[in-house]
Amino acid sequence: MRVMLDACVLYPTVMREVLLGCAAAGLYEPRWTPRILEEWARATVKLGPGAETIARGEIASLAARFPKAMIEEKQGVAIRLWLPDPDDIHVLAAAIGGSCDAIVTMNASDFPRNVLAEEGLERLDPDNFVLSLRAVDSAAVDAVALAVLTEARRLSSEPWTMRGLMKKARLPRLGKALSELG
C-alpha cells in the first residue's frame, strides 16, 4: 500500500516516529514531496531557535531511510483538482501522481472523502491508519510503539505510559489498544 503522508502527520515527533516505524517494518510504503517536507520544516519555526535546523536534519535522514518515498508532483495534475483549501491541492496531486492508495492526514475537512474517492484515494487519519496496520501485524506495530515509548522516556526523562504518550501524540485509540504494553 502506497500512502502519501501530509505534513501535519510528519511534524509531531511521536506521530511521525510511529508512522515511519511502521513503514520501516514493511507495513506500507510512505510517500512525500519536497513541498510537504518543506511545510514540515517551516512549521517547526514556532518551536524556537534551532528547531528548523533539527527538522531539516531529520528530513535529510529520511532520504536515506526511505529512498523511494520522495516523489515529484506531476505537472498539470493540480490544475484539474479542487479541494476546500487550495493550498492542499499539491498533496492530492502528488498522491495521484505517485499512484498512492491513500492520504494520511489530520485535516479531514481539507480532504473530503468523496473528492478523494473520485481519484481512487482514501483519506485516513493516523490513529485509525496505525490501528488498521496493527490488525494486519500486531507484533510489528507493538514493537514500533514500544521503541517510540522507550525513546520518549529516554529523551524526556518522563515516566510516560503508552496510553499517555499516544494520547498526547493524537493517537488516543492506538494508546488505548496498546495500554497493556506500558
Protein backbone atom coordinates (compact mmCIF):
# COMPACT_ATOMS: atom_id res chain seq x y z
CA MET A 1 0.00 0.00 0.00
CA ARG A 2 1.40 3.39 -1.01
CA VAL A 3 0.46 6.21 1.34
CA MET A 4 1.01 9.95 0.96
CA LEU A 5 1.88 11.47 4.33
CA ASP A 6 0.64 15.03 4.78
CA ALA A 7 2.96 17.49 6.55
CA CYS A 8 0.63 17.61 9.56
CA VAL A 9 1.40 13.96 10.40
CA LEU A 10 5.16 14.37 9.93
CA TYR A 11 5.52 17.42 12.16
CA PRO A 12 4.65 15.86 15.55
CA THR A 13 7.64 13.75 16.56
CA VAL A 14 5.88 10.81 18.22
CA MET A 15 3.27 10.52 15.49
CA ARG A 16 5.98 10.67 12.82
CA GLU A 17 8.10 8.04 14.56
CA VAL A 18 5.14 5.67 14.89
CA LEU A 19 4.15 6.13 11.24
CA LEU A 20 7.69 5.80 9.92
CA GLY A 21 8.45 2.88 12.23
CA CYS A 22 5.50 1.04 10.69
CA ALA A 23 6.81 1.90 7.22
CA ALA A 24 10.29 0.66 8.15
CA ALA A 25 8.67 -2.59 9.31
CA GLY A 26 7.31 -3.00 5.78
CA LEU A 27 3.66 -2.42 6.64
CA TYR A 28 3.20 0.26 3.95
CA GLU A 29 5.21 2.42 1.56
CA PRO A 30 5.39 6.10 2.59
CA ARG A 31 5.37 8.91 0.05
CA TRP A 32 6.00 12.66 0.31
CA THR A 33 7.20 15.53 -1.83
CA PRO A 34 9.82 18.22 -1.33
CA ARG A 35 6.98 20.70 -0.73
CA ILE A 36 5.44 18.55 2.02
CA LEU A 37 8.81 18.24 3.74
CA GLU A 38 9.35 21.99 3.41
CA GLU A 39 5.98 22.61 5.09
CA TRP A 40 7.09 20.40 7.97
CA ALA A 41 10.41 22.24 8.33
CA ARG A 42 8.75 25.66 8.27
CA ALA A 43 6.14 24.59 10.82
CA THR A 44 8.89 23.90 13.37
CA VAL A 45 9.97 27.57 13.45
CA LYS A 46 7.35 28.24 16.12
CA LEU A 47 9.14 25.79 18.44
CA GLY A 48 12.03 28.19 18.85
CA PRO A 49 15.61 28.71 17.76
CA GLY A 50 17.25 25.67 16.24
CA ALA A 51 14.05 23.70 15.72
CA GLU A 52 14.03 24.22 11.97
CA THR A 53 17.67 23.12 11.74
CA ILE A 54 16.85 19.93 13.65
CA ALA A 55 13.84 19.29 11.40
CA ARG A 56 15.96 19.75 8.28
CA GLY A 57 18.46 17.23 9.66
CA GLU A 58 15.64 14.75 10.27
CA ILE A 59 14.34 15.38 6.76
CA ALA A 60 17.77 14.64 5.32
CA SER A 61 17.91 11.35 7.20
CA LEU A 62 14.53 10.36 5.75
CA ALA A 63 16.06 10.34 2.28
CA ALA A 64 18.50 7.66 3.42
CA ARG A 65 15.90 5.63 5.32
CA PHE A 66 13.22 5.79 2.63
CA PRO A 67 14.87 6.46 -0.74
CA LYS A 68 11.72 5.59 -2.72
CA ALA A 69 9.42 7.85 -0.68
CA MET A 70 10.29 11.15 -2.36
CA ILE A 71 8.18 11.85 -5.39
CA GLU A 72 7.76 14.87 -7.58
CA GLU A 73 4.34 16.34 -8.26
CA LYS A 74 3.31 15.63 -11.84
CA GLN A 75 2.91 18.84 -13.78
CA GLY A 76 -0.62 19.67 -14.89
CA VAL A 77 -2.45 17.35 -12.50
CA ALA A 78 -3.22 20.06 -9.93
CA ILE A 79 -4.97 22.27 -12.49
CA ARG A 80 -7.98 19.97 -12.72
CA LEU A 81 -8.31 19.37 -8.97
CA TRP A 82 -10.41 21.05 -6.30
CA LEU A 83 -10.18 20.95 -2.52
CA PRO A 84 -11.72 23.24 0.11
CA ASP A 85 -8.24 24.58 0.88
CA PRO A 86 -6.43 25.29 -2.40
CA ASP A 87 -3.11 25.13 -0.52
CA ASP A 88 -3.63 21.36 -0.12
CA ILE A 89 -4.16 20.57 -3.80
CA HIS A 90 -0.45 19.79 -4.17
CA VAL A 91 -0.85 16.90 -1.69
CA LEU A 92 -3.72 15.41 -3.68
CA ALA A 93 -1.89 15.93 -6.97
CA ALA A 94 1.22 14.22 -5.59
CA ALA A 95 -0.84 11.29 -4.28
CA ILE A 96 -2.37 10.84 -7.73
CA GLY A 97 0.98 11.17 -9.47
CA GLY A 98 2.62 8.81 -7.00
CA SER A 99 -0.03 6.11 -7.52
CA CYS A 100 -0.92 6.23 -3.84
CA ASP A 101 -3.81 4.37 -2.30
CA ALA A 102 -4.44 6.86 0.49
CA ILE A 103 -3.53 10.16 2.10
CA VAL A 104 -2.84 10.12 5.84
CA THR A 105 -3.78 13.49 7.31
CA MET A 106 -5.24 15.11 10.40
CA ASN A 107 -7.08 17.62 8.21
CA ALA A 108 -10.27 15.74 7.40
CA SER A 109 -12.20 18.82 6.31
CA ASP A 110 -9.50 19.75 3.79
CA PHE A 111 -9.65 16.33 2.09
CA PRO A 112 -13.31 15.36 1.54
CA ARG A 113 -13.71 11.61 1.13
CA ASN A 114 -15.92 11.97 -1.96
CA VAL A 115 -13.33 14.12 -3.76
CA LEU A 116 -10.57 11.65 -2.94
CA ALA A 117 -12.74 8.69 -3.93
CA GLU A 118 -13.14 10.20 -7.40
CA GLU A 119 -9.36 9.87 -7.71
CA GLY A 120 -9.25 6.35 -6.29
CA LEU A 121 -7.86 7.51 -2.93
CA GLU A 122 -8.86 7.11 0.69
CA ARG A 123 -8.38 9.66 3.44
CA LEU A 124 -7.05 8.09 6.62
CA ASP A 125 -6.43 9.67 9.98
CA PRO A 126 -3.18 8.47 11.57
CA ASP A 127 -4.82 6.86 14.61
CA ASN A 128 -7.14 4.62 12.58
CA PHE A 129 -4.43 4.01 9.99
CA VAL A 130 -1.98 2.61 12.54
CA LEU A 131 -4.76 0.57 14.16
CA SER A 132 -5.52 -0.95 10.74
CA LEU A 133 -1.83 -1.80 10.36
CA ARG A 134 -1.93 -3.40 13.80
CA ALA A 135 -4.84 -5.58 12.68
CA VAL A 136 -2.53 -6.94 9.96
CA ASP A 137 0.65 -7.29 12.06
CA SER A 138 0.20 -6.57 15.75
CA ALA A 139 3.71 -7.74 16.67
CA ALA A 140 5.33 -5.23 14.31
CA VAL A 141 3.18 -2.28 15.41
CA ASP A 142 3.61 -3.19 19.08
CA ALA A 143 7.40 -3.31 18.62
CA VAL A 144 7.36 0.10 16.92
CA ALA A 145 5.23 1.61 19.68
CA LEU A 146 7.45 0.17 22.42
CA ALA A 147 10.55 1.57 20.73
CA VAL A 148 8.92 5.01 20.47
CA LEU A 149 7.85 4.85 24.13
CA THR A 150 11.35 3.83 25.24
CA GLU A 151 12.92 6.69 23.26
CA ALA A 152 10.39 9.22 24.62
CA ARG A 153 11.19 8.15 28.17
CA ARG A 154 14.93 8.38 27.47
CA LEU A 155 14.82 11.79 25.82
CA SER A 156 12.40 13.45 28.22
CA SER A 157 13.26 11.65 31.47
CA GLU A 158 9.47 11.47 31.97
CA PRO A 159 7.77 8.26 33.13
CA TRP A 160 5.48 8.13 30.09
CA THR A 161 2.83 5.45 29.86
CA MET A 162 1.96 4.12 26.43
CA ARG A 163 -1.57 5.45 26.71
CA GLY A 164 -0.43 8.88 27.88
CA LEU A 165 2.23 9.26 25.20
CA MET A 166 -0.04 8.18 22.37
CA LYS A 167 -2.87 10.41 23.62
CA LYS A 168 -0.50 13.38 23.66
CA ALA A 169 0.60 12.41 20.13
CA ARG A 170 -3.05 12.49 18.98
CA LEU A 171 -3.17 8.71 18.67
CA PRO A 172 -5.61 8.01 21.55
CA ARG A 173 -7.25 4.86 20.16
CA LEU A 174 -3.84 3.34 19.47
CA GLY A 175 -2.75 4.25 23.01
CA LYS A 176 -5.81 2.56 24.46
CA ALA A 177 -5.20 -0.56 22.36
CA LEU A 178 -1.56 -0.66 23.47
CA SER A 179 -2.09 0.31 27.12
CA GLU A 180 -1.10 -3.16 28.34
CA LEU A 181 2.37 -2.68 26.85
CA GLY A 182 3.45 0.02 29.28
